[in-house]
Amino acid sequence: MNRHQRNMITAALMVAMFLAAVEVTIINAAMPTVVTALGGISLYSWVFSAFMLANTTTVPIYGKLADLYGRKRVFIVAVLLFVLGSTLCGLSQSMTQLVLFRALQGLGAGGVLPVAMTIIGDIFPFEARARVQGWFSSVWGVAAVIGPFVGGWTVEHFSWRWLFWFNLPVGLLVIGIIAVYLPNRKDGERPHVDVVGAGLMTISVFGLLYATLLIGEKGWRNPLPWGCMAISAVLLMILIQWERRVKDPFIPIRLLQNRIIASSNLTAFLTGMGMFGAISFVPLFVQGVLDESPTLAGLAITPQVLGWTLGSIAAGRWILKSGYRPVVLTGVSLIVAAALIFVGMGQNTAYGWVLATMCALGLGLGLSMTTYILAIQNAVSMQDRGAATSSQMFSRSMGGAFGVTILGAVMTFQLKRAVETSIQAHQGEWSPETIDKLRHMQGITSPESLAQLPAWLNAEMGRWLAHSLHAVFLTATVFSLLALIVAAVWIPKGSAQSMAFPEETTP
């Protein structure tokens, strides 16, 4: 493959990744307008949840299909599903239709990221791959930051439907470039697909993710999410037994026996539970505790993206000199340090200190997450690269999903306890109406909810929220420390080339 082909493929893959990544956040600013146009406010959260469930659940499936049928075919199918879902979302006439089409869009988006990263692993040698993967890793972060701004601007000047329709011409252009320039290396083969394994995995993962959503909506005491978790756990055990017996398993258990893959995935999962979950609470801290504007709260995420980009680029160069272990340990140590700093923040913390901490956090994430991808891809043959790559991204996504749920539950519990303690202390001073609002308010930390309270309670709310977020960041620190322990104990020593799969050691 010549340089022009690589450049065209790389550009197309980066654009596709950006489109899939930006759909996670671009709809946020448009949802009030969408609800006004379509109604169905009861399905509000499912516009996000349907996309997330379909996206996360299908990541490991696409990785295996890319190994069986070739990257080109599977990637084109994924982009086609994404484009079709986007077009139908823009044509939706009801909230129910929008939710269904967002799920279809998520089915396509679930294949874009893992297959794109796998293709990069195929078309670049290790030395160049380390550099290119760093740039690709930063695409996701950039999309997360600019998504809300693009969404708001589009709704203001055009229509919310163009948030989806814009994907059609760009997606078709990506498909055209990949169809012309990327060869398919699986022509002539007739692979066997482990349908039972794929089905068991999909249902079990969907159940776990759905349980996290139910916990967020109904609380820990509701039996429904625990029932979903129990069913998913049983299906997961059945899946493991099935995959050990079947001739061509959908999830190669042997890959998880590889020390590099196992340690990288577990560390990424724990990091996702800790800091990917905690990141979502930083804007709330800035706005609710520091009393800054919503704009500054949103901008607080930007340094993390810049740090991630720098860390990803640095990781690509550092790995070639010292191997995986020093890069990962440095990255995860930075993550732990950032988590500890967040634990010590309060109402008197300077906004600039939050920005600096987010930059350090992003630097740690860029160093570690980029290294995991490179290490896993370098540890397997090309025939297993898709499944291995998707396993790492799946671990990271699942960690983030569980982390947001757990940390959200910690915040809710602490906040309710702080509110109840204050109510008991001021029972005779506060009016019954104010006490009733405090006790029964849903989403007590939202701007709409705060607006219902007397102005003199704002400072008190900031104190309660600071106390609750302290517990959130402390919990995130525990998960991050566990990730550091796993990395220190389990990630092997040695140079990147010495731990490479044999086919990767040739220049």
Protein backbone atom coordinates (compact mmCIF):
# COMPACT_ATOMS: atom_id res chain seq x y z
CA MET A 1 0.00 0.00 0.00
CA ASN A 2 1.48 3.34 -1.04
CA ARG A 3 1.53 6.56 0.94
CA HIS A 4 -1.39 8.16 -0.91
CA GLN A 5 -3.63 5.20 -0.14
CA ARG A 6 -2.71 5.28 3.54
CA ASN A 7 -3.36 9.01 3.75
CA MET A 8 -6.79 8.72 2.10
CA ILE A 9 -7.81 5.79 4.30
CA THR A 10 -6.54 7.52 7.44
CA ALA A 11 -8.44 10.72 6.67
CA ALA A 12 -11.65 8.79 5.98
CA LEU A 13 -11.32 6.80 9.19
CA MET A 14 -10.75 9.92 11.29
CA VAL A 15 -13.83 11.60 9.79
CA ALA A 16 -15.95 8.50 10.43
CA MET A 17 -14.73 8.29 14.02
CA PHE A 18 -15.52 11.95 14.56
CA LEU A 19 -19.07 11.54 13.22
CA ALA A 20 -19.73 8.56 15.48
CA ALA A 21 -18.15 10.17 18.53
CA VAL A 22 -19.85 13.55 18.19
CA GLU A 23 -23.31 11.91 18.13
CA VAL A 24 -22.89 11.10 21.81
CA THR A 25 -23.00 14.79 22.81
CA ILE A 26 -24.24 16.82 19.84
CA ILE A 27 -27.89 16.04 20.58
CA ASN A 28 -27.69 17.44 24.14
CA ALA A 29 -28.30 21.07 23.22
CA ALA A 30 -31.04 20.15 20.77
CA MET A 31 -33.23 18.03 23.05
CA PRO A 32 -35.42 20.84 24.41
CA THR A 33 -36.24 21.83 20.83
CA VAL A 34 -36.80 18.20 19.84
CA VAL A 35 -39.24 17.66 22.70
CA THR A 36 -41.12 20.79 21.71
CA ALA A 37 -41.40 19.54 18.12
CA LEU A 38 -42.14 15.86 18.74
CA GLY A 39 -43.52 15.69 22.27
CA GLY A 40 -42.97 12.46 24.24
CA ILE A 41 -40.98 13.92 27.10
CA SER A 42 -41.30 10.60 28.97
CA LEU A 43 -38.86 9.14 26.42
CA TYR A 44 -36.38 12.00 26.81
CA SER A 45 -33.61 9.95 28.42
CA TRP A 46 -34.03 7.09 25.96
CA VAL A 47 -32.84 9.27 23.09
CA PHE A 48 -29.42 9.01 24.77
CA SER A 49 -29.80 5.55 26.28
CA ALA A 50 -30.87 3.80 23.07
CA PHE A 51 -27.77 5.06 21.25
CA MET A 52 -25.47 4.15 24.14
CA LEU A 53 -26.90 0.65 24.63
CA ALA A 54 -26.70 -0.25 20.94
CA ASN A 55 -23.27 1.32 20.57
CA THR A 56 -21.59 -0.36 23.54
CA THR A 57 -23.23 -3.76 23.10
CA THR A 58 -22.09 -4.19 19.51
CA VAL A 59 -18.42 -3.20 19.92
CA PRO A 60 -17.07 -6.73 20.56
CA ILE A 61 -19.34 -8.16 17.85
CA TYR A 62 -17.90 -5.88 15.20
CA GLY A 63 -14.36 -6.71 16.28
CA LYS A 64 -14.90 -10.42 15.72
CA LEU A 65 -16.80 -9.89 12.45
CA ALA A 66 -13.92 -7.78 11.17
CA ASP A 67 -11.59 -10.72 11.82
CA LEU A 68 -13.97 -13.14 10.06
CA TYR A 69 -15.15 -11.14 7.06
CA GLY A 70 -12.46 -8.51 6.64
CA ARG A 71 -12.21 -4.92 7.85
CA LYS A 72 -13.48 -3.34 4.64
CA ARG A 73 -16.85 -5.07 4.45
CA VAL A 74 -17.63 -4.75 8.13
CA PHE A 75 -16.60 -1.11 8.32
CA ILE A 76 -18.72 -0.18 5.30
CA VAL A 77 -21.74 -1.99 6.80
CA ALA A 78 -21.23 -0.14 10.10
CA VAL A 79 -21.05 3.26 8.40
CA LEU A 80 -24.09 2.42 6.24
CA LEU A 81 -26.11 1.54 9.34
CA PHE A 82 -24.96 4.74 11.00
CA VAL A 83 -25.88 6.86 7.97
CA LEU A 84 -29.25 5.13 7.57
CA GLY A 85 -30.04 5.61 11.25
CA SER A 86 -28.98 9.27 11.05
CA THR A 87 -31.18 9.93 8.04
CA LEU A 88 -34.19 8.30 9.67
CA CYS A 89 -33.57 10.23 12.90
CA GLY A 90 -33.85 13.45 10.91
CA LEU A 91 -37.14 12.24 9.41
CA SER A 92 -38.66 11.21 12.75
CA GLN A 93 -42.23 12.35 13.36
CA SER A 94 -42.50 11.17 16.96
CA MET A 95 -40.25 10.61 19.96
CA THR A 96 -40.79 6.85 19.68
CA GLN A 97 -39.47 6.89 16.12
CA LEU A 98 -36.48 8.98 17.18
CA VAL A 99 -35.59 6.50 19.95
CA LEU A 100 -35.81 3.53 17.55
CA PHE A 101 -33.73 5.25 14.89
CA ARG A 102 -31.16 6.36 17.48
CA ALA A 103 -30.77 2.69 18.36
CA LEU A 104 -30.16 1.92 14.67
CA GLN A 105 -27.65 4.75 14.55
CA GLY A 106 -25.92 3.29 17.61
CA LEU A 107 -25.75 -0.14 15.95
CA GLY A 108 -23.65 1.44 13.22
CA ALA A 109 -21.57 3.66 15.51
CA GLY A 110 -20.61 0.61 17.58
CA GLY A 111 -18.54 -0.69 14.66
CA VAL A 112 -16.91 2.53 13.51
CA LEU A 113 -14.42 3.05 16.34
CA PRO A 114 -13.09 -0.50 16.92
CA VAL A 115 -12.86 -1.40 13.23
CA ALA A 116 -11.22 1.93 12.38
CA MET A 117 -8.58 1.37 15.06
CA THR A 118 -8.08 -2.18 13.80
CA ILE A 119 -7.57 -0.95 10.22
CA ILE A 120 -4.91 1.46 11.47
CA GLY A 121 -3.21 -1.49 13.14
CA ASP A 122 -3.19 -3.30 9.79
CA ILE A 123 -2.00 -0.62 7.39
CA PHE A 124 0.78 0.95 9.48
CA PRO A 125 3.93 -0.69 10.83
CA PHE A 126 4.36 -0.57 14.59
CA GLU A 127 6.64 2.49 14.66
CA ALA A 128 4.21 4.60 12.60
CA ARG A 129 1.16 3.06 14.26
CA ALA A 130 2.26 4.31 17.65
CA ARG A 131 2.17 7.88 16.34
CA VAL A 132 -1.05 7.59 14.32
CA GLN A 133 -3.00 5.90 17.10
CA GLY A 134 -2.25 8.89 19.30
CA TRP A 135 -3.97 11.24 16.86
CA PHE A 136 -6.91 8.87 16.54
CA SER A 137 -7.32 8.65 20.30
CA SER A 138 -7.67 12.43 20.50
CA VAL A 139 -10.55 12.50 18.00
CA TRP A 140 -12.99 11.13 20.57
CA GLY A 141 -12.10 13.79 23.12
CA VAL A 142 -12.31 16.64 20.62
CA ALA A 143 -15.73 15.45 19.49
CA ALA A 144 -16.96 15.31 23.09
CA VAL A 145 -16.01 18.95 23.65
CA ILE A 146 -17.26 20.59 20.47
CA GLY A 147 -20.38 18.43 20.14
CA PRO A 148 -22.63 20.55 22.40
CA PHE A 149 -21.46 23.78 20.78
CA VAL A 150 -22.06 22.48 17.24
CA GLY A 151 -25.43 21.13 18.32
CA GLY A 152 -26.54 24.44 19.80
CA TRP A 153 -25.35 26.44 16.79
CA THR A 154 -27.09 24.13 14.33
CA VAL A 155 -30.39 24.27 16.21
CA GLU A 156 -30.19 28.04 16.45
CA HIS A 157 -29.43 28.70 12.77
CA PHE A 158 -30.96 25.72 10.96
CA SER A 159 -33.01 22.84 12.36
CA TRP A 160 -32.38 20.03 14.82
CA ARG A 161 -32.92 17.60 11.96
CA TRP A 162 -29.67 18.77 10.32
CA LEU A 163 -27.76 17.36 13.28
CA PHE A 164 -28.52 13.98 11.71
CA TRP A 165 -28.80 14.79 8.01
CA PHE A 166 -25.28 16.22 7.89
CA ASN A 167 -23.99 12.67 8.45
CA LEU A 168 -25.47 11.46 5.15
CA PRO A 169 -23.16 13.14 2.58
CA VAL A 170 -20.09 12.87 4.79
CA GLY A 171 -20.77 9.23 5.60
CA LEU A 172 -21.28 8.33 1.95
CA LEU A 173 -17.98 10.07 1.10
CA VAL A 174 -16.22 7.98 3.75
CA ILE A 175 -17.75 4.80 2.34
CA GLY A 176 -16.60 5.73 -1.17
CA ILE A 177 -13.01 6.33 -0.07
CA ILE A 178 -12.82 3.08 1.91
CA ALA A 179 -14.41 1.12 -0.96
CA VAL A 180 -11.83 2.42 -3.43
CA TYR A 181 -8.63 2.46 -1.39
CA LEU A 182 -8.88 -0.26 1.29
CA PRO A 183 -8.26 -3.85 0.13
CA ASN A 184 -10.32 -6.69 1.59
CA ARG A 185 -8.08 -9.48 2.83
CA LYS A 186 -10.83 -12.02 3.42
CA ASP A 187 -11.96 -12.60 -0.18
CA GLY A 188 -12.68 -16.23 -1.04
CA GLU A 189 -13.06 -17.43 2.53
CA ARG A 190 -16.27 -18.75 4.08
CA PRO A 191 -16.00 -18.22 7.83
CA HIS A 192 -18.06 -19.91 10.50
CA VAL A 193 -20.00 -17.52 12.74
CA ASP A 194 -20.67 -18.49 16.35
CA VAL A 195 -24.24 -17.20 16.41
CA VAL A 196 -25.01 -18.68 19.83
CA GLY A 197 -21.98 -17.01 21.41
CA ALA A 198 -22.79 -13.67 19.79
CA GLY A 199 -26.39 -13.87 21.00
CA LEU A 200 -25.47 -14.80 24.56
CA MET A 201 -22.92 -12.03 24.76
CA THR A 202 -25.27 -9.40 23.32
CA ILE A 203 -28.11 -10.24 25.70
CA SER A 204 -25.85 -10.43 28.77
CA VAL A 205 -24.11 -7.13 28.02
CA PHE A 206 -27.41 -5.42 27.19
CA GLY A 207 -28.83 -6.64 30.48
CA LEU A 208 -25.90 -5.27 32.47
CA LEU A 209 -26.07 -1.88 30.77
CA TYR A 210 -29.84 -1.74 31.10
CA ALA A 211 -29.50 -2.53 34.80
CA THR A 212 -27.19 0.47 35.26
CA LEU A 213 -29.83 2.68 33.62
CA LEU A 214 -32.55 1.27 35.87
CA ILE A 215 -30.43 1.89 38.96
CA GLY A 216 -30.04 5.52 37.91
CA GLU A 217 -33.79 5.87 37.34
CA LYS A 218 -35.28 3.72 40.10
CA GLY A 219 -32.52 3.51 42.71
CA TRP A 220 -30.56 0.68 44.31
CA ARG A 221 -33.48 -0.68 46.30
CA ASN A 222 -35.64 -1.50 43.30
CA PRO A 223 -35.53 -5.26 42.54
CA LEU A 224 -35.78 -4.86 38.74
CA PRO A 225 -32.15 -3.81 38.06
CA TRP A 226 -30.85 -6.55 40.35
CA GLY A 227 -32.97 -9.08 38.47
CA CYS A 228 -31.44 -7.89 35.19
CA MET A 229 -27.96 -8.21 36.67
CA ALA A 230 -28.65 -11.74 37.92
CA ILE A 231 -29.95 -12.87 34.53
CA SER A 232 -26.96 -11.26 32.80
CA ALA A 233 -24.53 -12.96 35.20
CA VAL A 234 -26.09 -16.37 34.51
CA LEU A 235 -25.94 -15.77 30.75
CA LEU A 236 -22.32 -14.66 31.07
CA MET A 237 -21.37 -17.91 32.81
CA ILE A 238 -23.19 -19.90 30.14
CA LEU A 239 -21.34 -17.88 27.50
CA ILE A 240 -17.94 -18.69 29.01
CA GLN A 241 -18.72 -22.41 29.09
CA TRP A 242 -20.03 -22.32 25.54
CA GLU A 243 -17.03 -20.45 24.18
CA ARG A 244 -14.67 -22.99 25.74
CA ARG A 245 -16.34 -25.86 23.89
CA VAL A 246 -17.14 -24.38 20.48
CA LYS A 247 -14.59 -24.86 17.72
CA ASP A 248 -14.48 -21.26 16.50
CA PRO A 249 -15.62 -19.13 19.48
CA PHE A 250 -17.05 -15.67 19.00
CA ILE A 251 -15.01 -14.46 21.97
CA PRO A 252 -11.62 -16.21 21.95
CA ILE A 253 -11.09 -17.00 25.64
CA ARG A 254 -7.44 -17.66 24.86
CA LEU A 255 -6.95 -13.94 24.15
CA LEU A 256 -7.94 -13.15 27.72
CA GLN A 257 -5.23 -15.55 28.89
CA ASN A 258 -2.64 -13.28 27.28
CA ARG A 259 -1.09 -11.28 30.11
CA ILE A 260 -0.83 -8.05 28.15
CA ILE A 261 -4.47 -8.20 27.00
CA ALA A 262 -5.84 -9.21 30.40
CA SER A 263 -3.90 -6.58 32.35
CA SER A 264 -4.64 -3.80 29.85
CA ASN A 265 -8.36 -4.55 29.76
CA LEU A 266 -8.75 -4.79 33.52
CA THR A 267 -6.75 -1.60 34.08
CA ALA A 268 -8.81 0.21 31.44
CA PHE A 269 -12.04 -1.04 33.04
CA LEU A 270 -11.04 0.22 36.50
CA THR A 271 -9.84 3.52 35.08
CA GLY A 272 -13.14 3.87 33.23
CA MET A 273 -15.07 3.24 36.43
CA GLY A 274 -13.03 5.87 38.23
CA MET A 275 -12.14 8.83 36.09
CA PHE A 276 -14.42 8.41 33.06
CA GLY A 277 -17.26 8.40 35.55
CA ALA A 278 -15.85 11.30 37.55
CA ILE A 279 -15.32 13.50 34.49
CA SER A 280 -19.09 13.76 34.00
CA PHE A 281 -19.38 15.39 37.45
CA VAL A 282 -16.74 18.07 36.89
CA PRO A 283 -19.09 20.53 35.10
CA LEU A 284 -21.56 20.04 37.95
CA PHE A 285 -18.81 20.88 40.45
CA VAL A 286 -17.84 24.03 38.54
CA GLN A 287 -21.40 25.29 38.20
CA GLY A 288 -22.98 24.06 41.43
CA VAL A 289 -20.08 24.41 43.87
CA LEU A 290 -17.87 27.14 42.40
CA ASP A 291 -20.95 29.05 41.16
CA GLU A 292 -19.49 29.61 37.69
CA SER A 293 -21.52 30.03 34.51
CA PRO A 294 -22.75 27.07 32.44
CA THR A 295 -20.32 28.11 29.70
CA LEU A 296 -17.33 27.88 32.03
CA ALA A 297 -18.67 24.59 33.38
CA GLY A 298 -18.67 23.15 29.86
CA LEU A 299 -15.25 24.58 29.06
CA ALA A 300 -13.79 22.81 32.10
CA ILE A 301 -13.65 19.63 30.01
CA THR A 302 -11.47 21.23 27.31
CA PRO A 303 -8.10 20.94 29.12
CA GLN A 304 -8.71 17.21 29.54
CA VAL A 305 -9.03 16.87 25.76
CA LEU A 306 -5.86 18.88 25.17
CA GLY A 307 -4.00 16.80 27.74
CA TRP A 308 -5.29 13.58 26.18
CA THR A 309 -4.04 14.69 22.76
CA LEU A 310 -0.59 15.54 24.10
CA GLY A 311 -0.45 12.31 26.10
CA SER A 312 -1.44 10.21 23.11
CA ILE A 313 1.25 11.75 20.94
CA ALA A 314 3.86 11.38 23.67
CA ALA A 315 2.87 7.76 24.30
CA GLY A 316 3.50 6.83 20.68
CA ARG A 317 7.08 8.07 20.89
CA TRP A 318 7.82 6.92 24.43
CA ILE A 319 6.69 3.32 23.86
CA LEU A 320 9.29 2.85 21.13
CA LYS A 321 12.07 3.73 23.59
CA SER A 322 10.99 2.12 26.85
CA GLY A 323 8.14 -0.31 26.21
CA TYR A 324 4.60 -0.31 27.57
CA ARG A 325 5.06 -0.56 31.34
CA PRO A 326 6.70 2.84 32.14
CA VAL A 327 4.17 4.68 29.96
CA VAL A 328 1.15 2.99 31.54
CA LEU A 329 2.43 3.43 35.11
CA THR A 330 3.13 7.11 34.50
CA GLY A 331 -0.27 7.63 32.92
CA VAL A 332 -2.24 5.87 35.65
CA SER A 333 -0.18 7.65 38.35
CA LEU A 334 -1.19 11.00 36.83
CA ILE A 335 -4.82 9.85 36.88
CA VAL A 336 -4.57 8.94 40.57
CA ALA A 337 -2.89 12.27 41.34
CA ALA A 338 -5.66 14.17 39.55
CA ALA A 339 -8.31 12.19 41.43
CA LEU A 340 -6.67 13.02 44.76
CA ILE A 341 -6.59 16.71 43.85
CA PHE A 342 -10.31 16.61 43.07
CA VAL A 343 -10.94 15.05 46.47
CA GLY A 344 -9.39 18.11 48.12
CA MET A 345 -11.39 20.65 46.10
CA GLY A 346 -14.19 22.68 47.64
CA GLN A 347 -16.09 25.95 47.40
CA ASN A 348 -12.90 28.03 47.68
CA THR A 349 -11.06 26.22 44.87
CA ALA A 350 -9.92 28.45 42.02
CA TYR A 351 -11.38 27.71 38.59
CA GLY A 352 -7.86 27.71 37.11
CA TRP A 353 -6.88 24.89 39.48
CA VAL A 354 -9.74 22.79 38.10
CA LEU A 355 -8.50 23.43 34.55
CA ALA A 356 -4.93 22.46 35.46
CA THR A 357 -6.11 19.26 37.13
CA MET A 358 -8.24 18.33 34.12
CA CYS A 359 -5.21 18.82 31.87
CA ALA A 360 -3.14 16.49 34.07
CA LEU A 361 -5.98 13.96 34.03
CA GLY A 362 -6.18 14.11 30.24
CA LEU A 363 -2.42 13.65 29.97
CA GLY A 364 -2.66 10.50 32.09
CA LEU A 365 -5.57 9.13 30.09
CA GLY A 366 -3.79 9.83 26.81
CA LEU A 367 -0.64 8.06 27.94
CA SER A 368 -2.43 4.99 29.29
CA MET A 369 -5.34 4.47 26.89
CA THR A 370 -3.22 4.85 23.76
CA THR A 371 -0.66 2.42 25.17
CA TYR A 372 -3.33 -0.20 25.89
CA ILE A 373 -4.46 -0.19 22.26
CA LEU A 374 -0.93 -0.44 20.90
CA ALA A 375 0.05 -3.17 23.37
CA ILE A 376 -2.99 -5.31 22.60
CA GLN A 377 -2.66 -4.96 18.84
CA ASN A 378 1.02 -5.79 19.01
CA ALA A 379 0.41 -8.90 21.13
CA VAL A 380 -1.83 -10.78 18.65
CA SER A 381 -1.80 -11.88 15.03
CA MET A 382 -3.71 -10.02 12.35
CA GLN A 383 -6.44 -12.70 12.47
CA ASP A 384 -7.24 -11.77 16.09
CA ARG A 385 -6.52 -8.05 15.96
CA GLY A 386 -10.14 -6.97 15.52
CA ALA A 387 -11.39 -8.98 18.50
CA ALA A 388 -8.46 -7.86 20.66
CA THR A 389 -8.88 -4.18 19.79
CA SER A 390 -12.62 -4.22 20.41
CA SER A 391 -12.13 -6.00 23.75
CA GLN A 392 -10.07 -3.07 25.04
CA MET A 393 -12.58 -0.45 23.92
CA PHE A 394 -15.42 -2.53 25.28
CA SER A 395 -13.69 -2.78 28.68
CA ARG A 396 -13.20 0.97 28.77
CA SER A 397 -16.82 1.70 27.80
CA MET A 398 -18.25 -0.79 30.29
CA GLY A 399 -16.09 0.67 33.03
CA GLY A 400 -17.36 4.15 32.23
CA ALA A 401 -20.99 2.97 32.20
CA PHE A 402 -20.70 1.27 35.57
CA GLY A 403 -18.66 4.14 36.96
CA VAL A 404 -21.23 6.79 36.10
CA THR A 405 -23.96 4.69 37.73
CA ILE A 406 -22.00 3.94 40.90
CA LEU A 407 -20.71 7.47 41.32
CA GLY A 408 -24.15 8.88 40.58
CA ALA A 409 -25.61 6.67 43.31
CA VAL A 410 -22.90 7.84 45.73
CA MET A 411 -23.69 11.48 44.98
CA THR A 412 -27.45 11.00 45.33
CA PHE A 413 -27.11 9.18 48.63
CA GLN A 414 -24.73 11.75 50.11
CA LEU A 415 -26.77 14.67 48.84
CA LYS A 416 -30.03 13.36 50.23
CA ARG A 417 -28.38 12.67 53.58
CA ALA A 418 -26.92 16.19 53.72
CA VAL A 419 -30.27 17.72 52.81
CA GLU A 420 -32.13 15.66 55.43
CA THR A 421 -29.57 16.58 58.09
CA SER A 422 -30.02 20.28 57.34
CA ILE A 423 -33.80 19.95 57.34
CA GLN A 424 -33.71 18.38 60.78
CA ALA A 425 -31.45 21.18 62.03
CA HIS A 426 -33.71 23.93 60.65
CA GLN A 427 -37.10 22.31 61.08
CA GLY A 428 -38.58 25.35 62.77
CA GLU A 429 -36.94 27.95 60.52
CA TRP A 430 -37.72 26.77 56.99
CA SER A 431 -41.21 26.88 55.58
CA PRO A 432 -43.09 23.61 54.95
CA GLU A 433 -43.14 24.43 51.22
CA THR A 434 -39.34 24.71 51.07
CA ILE A 435 -38.85 21.50 53.03
CA ASP A 436 -41.32 19.68 50.80
CA LYS A 437 -39.49 20.83 47.67
CA LEU A 438 -36.14 19.75 49.08
CA ARG A 439 -37.39 16.30 50.02
CA HIS A 440 -39.32 15.49 46.86
CA MET A 441 -37.34 17.27 44.19
CA GLN A 442 -36.11 15.01 41.38
CA GLY A 443 -32.75 15.99 39.94
CA ILE A 444 -32.07 18.38 42.81
CA THR A 445 -28.85 19.63 41.25
CA SER A 446 -30.31 20.72 37.92
CA PRO A 447 -30.65 24.47 37.18
CA GLU A 448 -34.42 24.08 36.80
CA SER A 449 -34.69 22.47 40.22
CA LEU A 450 -32.47 25.06 41.87
CA ALA A 451 -34.61 27.83 40.42
CA GLN A 452 -37.55 26.52 42.46
CA LEU A 453 -35.70 27.13 45.73
CA PRO A 454 -35.38 30.43 47.60
CA ALA A 455 -32.29 32.41 46.63
CA TRP A 456 -30.91 32.28 50.17
CA LEU A 457 -30.60 28.49 49.84
CA ASN A 458 -28.10 28.67 46.97
CA ALA A 459 -25.06 28.89 49.25
CA GLU A 460 -26.40 26.03 51.33
CA MET A 461 -26.92 23.94 48.20
CA GLY A 462 -23.33 24.61 47.17
CA ARG A 463 -22.13 23.27 50.51
CA TRP A 464 -24.29 20.15 50.25
CA LEU A 465 -23.15 19.53 46.70
CA ALA A 466 -19.49 20.02 47.60
CA HIS A 467 -19.84 17.42 50.35
CA SER A 468 -21.54 14.97 47.98
CA LEU A 469 -19.01 15.42 45.18
CA HIS A 470 -16.19 14.95 47.68
CA ALA A 471 -17.54 11.42 48.22
CA VAL A 472 -17.84 10.94 44.44
CA PHE A 473 -14.23 11.89 43.78
CA LEU A 474 -13.06 9.83 46.74
CA THR A 475 -14.80 6.77 45.28
CA ALA A 476 -13.25 7.51 41.88
CA THR A 477 -9.84 7.69 43.55
CA VAL A 478 -10.30 4.19 44.99
CA PHE A 479 -11.04 2.76 41.54
CA SER A 480 -8.05 4.61 40.07
CA LEU A 481 -5.77 3.27 42.80
CA LEU A 482 -6.96 -0.24 42.03
CA ALA A 483 -6.10 0.39 38.37
CA LEU A 484 -2.59 1.50 39.38
CA ILE A 485 -2.11 -1.61 41.53
CA VAL A 486 -3.20 -3.90 38.68
CA ALA A 487 -0.87 -2.10 36.26
CA ALA A 488 2.09 -2.27 38.65
CA VAL A 489 1.60 -5.95 39.46
CA TRP A 490 0.39 -7.41 36.17
CA ILE A 491 1.70 -5.46 33.17
CA PRO A 492 4.92 -7.22 32.09
CA LYS A 493 8.30 -5.60 31.68
CA GLY A 494 10.21 -5.48 28.43
CA SER A 495 10.39 -3.51 25.20
CA ALA A 496 7.46 -3.23 22.85
CA GLN A 497 9.22 -5.29 20.21
CA SER A 498 10.22 -8.06 22.60
CA MET A 499 6.55 -8.58 23.55
CA ALA A 500 5.25 -8.40 19.98
CA PHE A 501 3.55 -11.23 18.14
CA PRO A 502 6.16 -12.84 15.85
CA GLU A 503 4.75 -11.37 12.65
CA GLU A 504 5.17 -7.86 14.10
CA THR A 505 8.90 -8.17 14.76
CA THR A 506 9.81 -7.95 11.10
CA PRO A 507 10.46 -4.45 9.74
